[in-house]
């Protein structure tokens, strides 16, 4: 899969060189370009075919002229023997021209067949890709229209050990963000009354192609920052809720703010509205869990 290979459409002009495991992706992304190459080749074949047809017409006119000359000779009753050599030469030239035209025509017919075969293969590949796209869309058609998240921050400061109430953040149009390969930013929220201000970013396609939904928690500049302890120290528990609210939820995931000076995601936001350092959970939810399970109730993840 790591071998470097040429694009199958190199014969028609594509000069891309990719790894074998990325070949299908290249074919899917460059299908319009490949079709353009094939169309250009087909137009070139048509132009050359027209040129050959013009050449054939020219030789046919020349043959007609020779034939007309022969008719004149016979009509004028000139001695046949005096024109025999010239006639033979002209007939030989005509035959040679016909042979050349026949060979050229056969060559272009072979090229045209090759182009047609490539077009058929391209159409077949396009149909396969379209089928994959259709399947992809069908697979994601069963995704939930929105996800509910239950967020709980357990905040520790000095000798306090306070468990804060749950905060709920609702994400809508999950499948749209996943299809468009965009991250979803949550509305800002406070961990408590006069607490820390945060927001949640959801990456439906995950990070580093690891097959998981990823989440990131970022600190924001808040109204009460002057009265809070910095760096922040605590544990944020994320849990994906079942839409039916029947208690069959996903296992919670903990994101820790260790309160150390070296951890930039724990520092107060002094420039701008939001921290540029996020606290990530790269394996929040496996993509396989996003489709419906036939053994579970409808509309459940």
Protein backbone atom coordinates (compact mmCIF):
# COMPACT_ATOMS: atom_id res chain seq x y z
CA UNK A 1 0.00 0.00 0.00
CA UNK A 2 2.98 2.38 0.40
CA UNK A 3 4.29 1.73 -3.12
CA UNK A 4 4.38 4.82 -5.34
CA UNK A 5 2.36 4.26 -8.51
CA UNK A 6 1.25 6.31 -11.47
CA UNK A 7 -2.35 7.30 -11.97
CA UNK A 8 -4.25 4.84 -14.27
CA UNK A 9 -5.16 7.85 -16.38
CA UNK A 10 -1.54 8.71 -17.14
CA UNK A 11 -2.10 7.45 -20.73
CA UNK A 12 -4.51 10.35 -21.29
CA UNK A 13 -2.46 13.04 -19.55
CA UNK A 14 -2.67 12.74 -15.76
CA UNK A 15 0.88 13.05 -14.37
CA UNK A 16 -0.02 12.43 -10.72
CA UNK A 17 2.07 9.94 -8.73
CA UNK A 18 0.58 8.70 -5.45
CA UNK A 19 0.91 5.87 -2.99
CA UNK A 20 -1.16 2.81 -3.83
CA UNK A 21 -3.32 3.14 -0.71
CA UNK A 22 -4.21 6.73 -1.77
CA UNK A 23 -4.99 5.79 -5.39
CA UNK A 24 -8.76 5.40 -4.85
CA UNK A 25 -8.89 8.75 -3.06
CA UNK A 26 -7.00 10.41 -5.92
CA UNK A 27 -9.37 8.88 -8.50
CA UNK A 28 -12.38 10.11 -6.54
CA UNK A 29 -11.03 13.64 -6.06
CA UNK A 30 -9.67 14.02 -9.63
CA UNK A 31 -12.54 12.40 -11.53
CA UNK A 32 -13.52 15.68 -13.18
CA UNK A 33 -9.93 16.26 -14.26
CA UNK A 34 -9.70 12.69 -15.63
CA UNK A 35 -12.92 13.13 -17.57
CA UNK A 36 -11.52 16.38 -18.99
CA UNK A 37 -8.36 14.55 -20.14
CA UNK A 38 -10.43 11.84 -21.80
CA UNK A 39 -12.64 14.43 -23.49
CA UNK A 40 -9.57 16.29 -24.81
CA UNK A 41 -8.17 13.04 -26.21
CA UNK A 42 -11.49 12.22 -27.85
CA UNK A 43 -11.65 15.69 -29.44
CA UNK A 44 -8.09 15.23 -30.74
CA UNK A 45 -9.07 11.88 -32.27
CA UNK A 46 -12.09 13.48 -33.92
CA UNK A 47 -9.93 16.27 -35.37
CA UNK A 48 -7.38 13.83 -36.73
CA UNK A 49 -10.16 11.68 -38.15
CA UNK A 50 -11.52 14.71 -39.98
CA UNK A 51 -8.02 15.43 -41.31
CA UNK A 52 -7.74 11.87 -42.59
CA UNK A 53 -11.12 12.15 -44.24
CA UNK A 54 -9.99 15.35 -45.95
CA UNK A 55 -6.83 13.60 -47.13
CA UNK A 56 -8.90 10.70 -48.47
CA UNK A 57 -11.12 13.14 -50.34
CA UNK A 58 -8.04 14.83 -51.81
CA UNK A 59 -6.62 11.53 -53.02
CA UNK A 60 -9.99 10.54 -54.42
CA UNK A 61 -10.09 13.82 -56.36
CA UNK A 62 -6.63 13.09 -57.66
CA UNK A 63 -7.77 9.62 -58.66
CA UNK A 64 -10.77 11.11 -60.43
CA UNK A 65 -8.46 13.52 -62.23
CA UNK A 66 -6.27 10.63 -63.34
CA UNK A 67 -9.34 8.68 -64.41
CA UNK A 68 -10.57 11.72 -66.32
CA UNK A 69 -7.17 11.94 -68.01
CA UNK A 70 -7.43 8.29 -68.99
CA UNK A 71 -10.86 8.91 -70.43
CA UNK A 72 -9.47 11.84 -72.43
CA UNK A 73 -6.73 9.63 -73.77
CA UNK A 74 -9.19 7.04 -74.90
CA UNK A 75 -11.57 9.63 -76.30
CA UNK A 76 -8.81 11.31 -78.27
CA UNK A 77 -7.67 7.91 -79.52
CA UNK A 78 -4.05 8.55 -78.53
CA UNK A 79 -1.68 5.65 -78.73
CA UNK A 80 -2.19 3.64 -75.55
CA UNK A 81 1.40 2.48 -75.46
CA UNK A 82 2.79 6.02 -75.15
CA UNK A 83 0.78 6.58 -71.92
CA UNK A 84 1.12 3.11 -70.47
CA UNK A 85 4.10 3.87 -68.24
CA UNK A 86 2.56 7.06 -66.87
CA UNK A 87 -0.75 5.36 -66.22
CA UNK A 88 1.00 2.51 -64.45
CA UNK A 89 2.94 4.95 -62.27
CA UNK A 90 -0.22 6.88 -61.40
CA UNK A 91 -2.12 3.71 -60.61
CA UNK A 92 0.75 2.55 -58.42
CA UNK A 93 0.80 5.90 -56.65
CA UNK A 94 -2.94 5.72 -56.12
CA UNK A 95 -2.65 2.21 -54.74
CA UNK A 96 0.15 3.25 -52.42
CA UNK A 97 -1.91 6.19 -51.23
CA UNK A 98 -4.87 3.92 -50.64
CA UNK A 99 -2.69 1.52 -48.66
CA UNK A 100 -1.28 4.35 -46.58
CA UNK A 101 -4.75 5.75 -45.94
CA UNK A 102 -6.03 2.30 -45.05
CA UNK A 103 -3.16 1.80 -42.57
CA UNK A 104 -3.66 5.27 -41.09
CA UNK A 105 -7.40 4.70 -40.81
CA UNK A 106 -6.81 1.37 -39.06
CA UNK A 107 -4.32 3.01 -36.70
CA UNK A 108 -6.80 5.73 -35.73
CA UNK A 109 -9.60 3.21 -35.38
CA UNK A 110 -7.40 1.29 -32.95
CA UNK A 111 -6.68 4.49 -31.05
CA UNK A 112 -10.37 5.34 -31.03
CA UNK A 113 -11.19 1.90 -29.66
CA UNK A 114 -8.57 2.41 -26.94
CA UNK A 115 -10.07 5.78 -26.02
CA UNK A 116 -13.59 4.31 -26.01
CA UNK A 117 -12.39 1.48 -23.79
CA UNK A 118 -10.82 4.01 -21.41
CA UNK A 119 -14.05 6.00 -21.41
CA UNK A 120 -16.00 2.85 -20.57
CA UNK A 121 -13.57 2.02 -17.77
CA UNK A 122 -13.80 5.60 -16.53
CA UNK A 123 -17.59 5.43 -16.61
CA UNK A 124 -17.48 2.15 -14.73
CA UNK A 125 -15.14 3.66 -12.15
CA UNK A 126 -17.39 6.71 -11.89
CA UNK A 127 -20.38 4.43 -11.32
CA UNK A 128 -18.43 2.58 -8.62
CA UNK A 129 -17.46 5.86 -6.96
CA UNK A 130 -21.04 7.08 -7.19
CA UNK A 131 -22.16 3.85 -5.57
CA UNK A 132 -19.64 4.41 -2.80
CA UNK A 133 -20.86 7.99 -2.36
CA UNK A 134 -24.46 6.74 -2.29
CA UNK A 135 -23.53 4.13 0.31
CA UNK A 136 -21.64 6.76 2.29
CA UNK A 137 -24.65 9.04 2.23
CA UNK A 138 -26.93 6.14 3.15
CA UNK A 139 -24.68 5.17 6.04
CA UNK A 140 -24.70 8.68 7.37
CA UNK A 141 -28.38 8.98 6.66
CA UNK A 142 -28.97 6.84 9.73
CA UNK A 143 -26.90 9.15 11.90
CA UNK A 144 -28.81 11.03 14.52
CA UNK A 145 -29.88 14.50 13.50
CA UNK A 146 -28.28 15.86 16.68
CA UNK A 147 -26.21 14.74 19.64
CA UNK A 148 -26.78 15.60 23.28
CA UNK A 149 -23.81 16.05 25.58
CA UNK A 150 -23.86 15.98 29.37
CA UNK A 151 -20.99 18.01 30.82
CA UNK A 152 -19.99 17.96 34.47
CA UNK A 153 -17.04 19.83 35.93
CA UNK A 154 -15.60 18.60 39.23
CA UNK A 155 -13.61 21.60 40.43
CA UNK A 156 -10.95 21.38 43.13
CA UNK A 157 -9.42 24.45 44.77
CA UNK A 158 -7.29 24.53 47.90
CA UNK A 159 -9.01 22.19 50.38
CA UNK A 160 -12.40 22.36 48.64
CA UNK A 161 -13.86 19.34 46.93
CA UNK A 162 -16.92 20.62 45.11
CA UNK A 163 -18.93 18.64 42.55
CA UNK A 164 -20.76 21.04 40.27
CA UNK A 165 -24.16 20.33 38.66
CA UNK A 166 -24.39 18.97 35.13
CA UNK A 167 -24.25 21.35 32.19
CA UNK A 168 -25.99 20.24 28.99
CA UNK A 169 -24.77 21.26 25.55
CA UNK A 170 -26.77 20.22 22.49
CA UNK A 171 -25.18 19.77 19.07
CA UNK A 172 -27.38 19.77 15.96
CA UNK A 173 -26.68 18.71 12.36
CA UNK A 174 -23.87 16.35 13.32
CA UNK A 175 -23.95 14.57 9.94
CA UNK A 176 -23.65 17.89 8.10
CA UNK A 177 -20.51 18.87 10.03
CA UNK A 178 -19.06 15.41 9.47
CA UNK A 179 -19.78 15.43 5.73
CA UNK A 180 -18.30 18.92 5.37
CA UNK A 181 -15.33 17.96 7.57
CA UNK A 182 -15.85 20.91 9.92
CA UNK A 183 -15.57 21.20 13.68
CA UNK A 184 -18.58 22.34 15.72
CA UNK A 185 -18.09 25.02 18.42
CA UNK A 186 -20.53 24.93 21.32
CA UNK A 187 -22.03 28.04 22.85
CA UNK A 188 -19.91 29.33 25.78
CA UNK A 189 -20.85 28.12 29.25
CA UNK A 190 -19.76 28.73 32.85
CA UNK A 191 -18.72 25.86 35.07
CA UNK A 192 -20.77 27.35 37.89
CA UNK A 193 -22.26 30.60 39.08
CA UNK A 194 -19.32 33.02 38.83
CA UNK A 195 -17.16 30.16 37.60
CA UNK A 196 -14.80 29.54 34.73
CA UNK A 197 -15.97 30.28 31.18
CA UNK A 198 -15.42 27.50 28.64
CA UNK A 199 -16.58 26.17 25.29
CA UNK A 200 -16.53 22.75 23.67
CA UNK A 201 -15.32 21.94 20.13
CA UNK A 202 -16.48 18.70 18.50
CA UNK A 203 -14.52 17.15 15.61
CA UNK A 204 -16.94 14.69 13.91
CA UNK A 205 -14.17 13.29 11.68
CA UNK A 206 -11.71 13.07 14.53
CA UNK A 207 -8.02 13.89 14.53
CA UNK A 208 -5.20 12.05 12.73
CA UNK A 209 -7.66 9.68 11.00
CA UNK A 210 -7.99 7.55 14.15
CA UNK A 211 -11.62 6.56 13.46
CA UNK A 212 -13.05 8.41 16.48
CA UNK A 213 -15.01 11.55 17.20
CA UNK A 214 -12.72 13.98 19.05
CA UNK A 215 -13.62 16.74 21.50
CA UNK A 216 -11.67 19.71 22.80
CA UNK A 217 -12.34 21.95 25.80
CA UNK A 218 -11.04 25.52 25.62
CA UNK A 219 -10.95 28.20 28.30
CA UNK A 220 -12.43 31.60 27.45
CA UNK A 221 -12.04 35.06 28.89
CA UNK A 222 -14.75 35.23 31.55
CA UNK A 223 -16.44 37.86 33.62
CA UNK A 224 -15.24 36.45 36.93
CA UNK A 225 -11.62 35.58 36.04
CA UNK A 226 -10.18 38.16 38.47
CA UNK A 227 -11.76 36.31 41.41
CA UNK A 228 -10.79 32.76 40.37
CA UNK A 229 -7.75 30.64 41.11
CA UNK A 230 -5.27 30.18 38.23
CA UNK A 231 -4.13 27.90 36.68
CA UNK A 232 -7.43 26.02 36.69
CA UNK A 233 -7.49 22.64 38.40
CA UNK A 234 -10.30 20.13 38.05
CA UNK A 235 -11.87 17.32 36.06
CA UNK A 236 -14.41 17.73 33.26
CA UNK A 237 -16.59 14.68 32.62
CA UNK A 238 -18.12 14.35 29.14
CA UNK A 239 -20.92 11.91 28.42
CA UNK A 240 -22.94 11.32 25.26
CA UNK A 241 -26.64 10.96 26.06
CA UNK A 242 -29.17 8.66 24.47
CA UNK A 243 -31.79 10.72 22.63
CA UNK A 244 -34.59 8.68 24.16
CA UNK A 245 -33.33 9.65 27.60
CA UNK A 246 -33.83 6.09 28.87
CA UNK A 247 -30.53 5.98 30.74
CA UNK A 248 -28.73 3.88 28.13
CA UNK A 249 -25.94 6.44 27.71
CA UNK A 250 -22.31 6.13 26.63
CA UNK A 251 -19.60 5.71 29.24
CA UNK A 252 -18.27 9.08 30.47
CA UNK A 253 -14.86 10.41 29.48
CA UNK A 254 -12.78 12.58 31.82
CA UNK A 255 -10.68 15.57 30.75
CA UNK A 256 -8.26 16.73 33.44
CA UNK A 257 -7.01 20.24 34.10
CA UNK A 258 -3.97 19.59 36.29
CA UNK A 259 -3.50 23.20 37.45
CA UNK A 260 0.21 23.31 36.59
CA UNK A 261 2.01 26.32 35.16
CA UNK A 262 3.54 24.25 32.37
CA UNK A 263 0.16 23.20 31.02
CA UNK A 264 -0.91 26.07 28.75
CA UNK A 265 -4.51 24.88 28.46
CA UNK A 266 -4.93 25.59 32.19
CA UNK A 267 -3.80 29.21 32.01
CA UNK A 268 -6.02 32.26 32.17
CA UNK A 269 -6.90 33.86 28.83
CA UNK A 270 -5.25 37.28 28.80
CA UNK A 271 -5.18 37.98 25.05
CA UNK A 272 -8.26 37.60 22.89
CA UNK A 273 -11.52 35.92 23.75
CA UNK A 274 -10.45 32.27 23.71
CA UNK A 275 -7.36 30.25 24.56
CA UNK A 276 -5.28 28.94 21.67
CA UNK A 277 -4.46 25.83 23.71
CA UNK A 278 -7.15 23.18 23.99
CA UNK A 279 -7.52 20.18 26.27
CA UNK A 280 -8.24 17.31 23.85
CA UNK A 281 -9.86 13.90 24.02
CA UNK A 282 -8.96 12.33 20.66
CA UNK A 283 -10.93 9.10 21.21
CA UNK A 284 -14.21 10.30 22.62
CA UNK A 285 -16.46 8.05 20.49
CA UNK A 286 -15.71 5.37 17.91
CA UNK A 287 -17.21 6.12 14.48
CA UNK A 288 -18.68 2.60 14.45
CA UNK A 289 -21.00 3.66 17.27
CA UNK A 290 -22.56 6.41 15.15
CA UNK A 291 -24.81 4.11 13.13
CA UNK A 292 -27.96 2.52 14.43
CA UNK A 293 -27.70 -0.84 16.13
CA UNK A 294 -30.53 -3.14 14.90
CA UNK A 295 -30.67 -4.78 18.34
CA UNK A 296 -31.30 -1.46 20.06
CA UNK A 297 -34.30 0.82 19.95
CA UNK A 298 -34.75 3.12 16.92
CA UNK A 299 -33.14 6.56 17.09
CA UNK A 300 -30.58 5.37 19.63
CA UNK A 301 -26.87 5.65 19.02
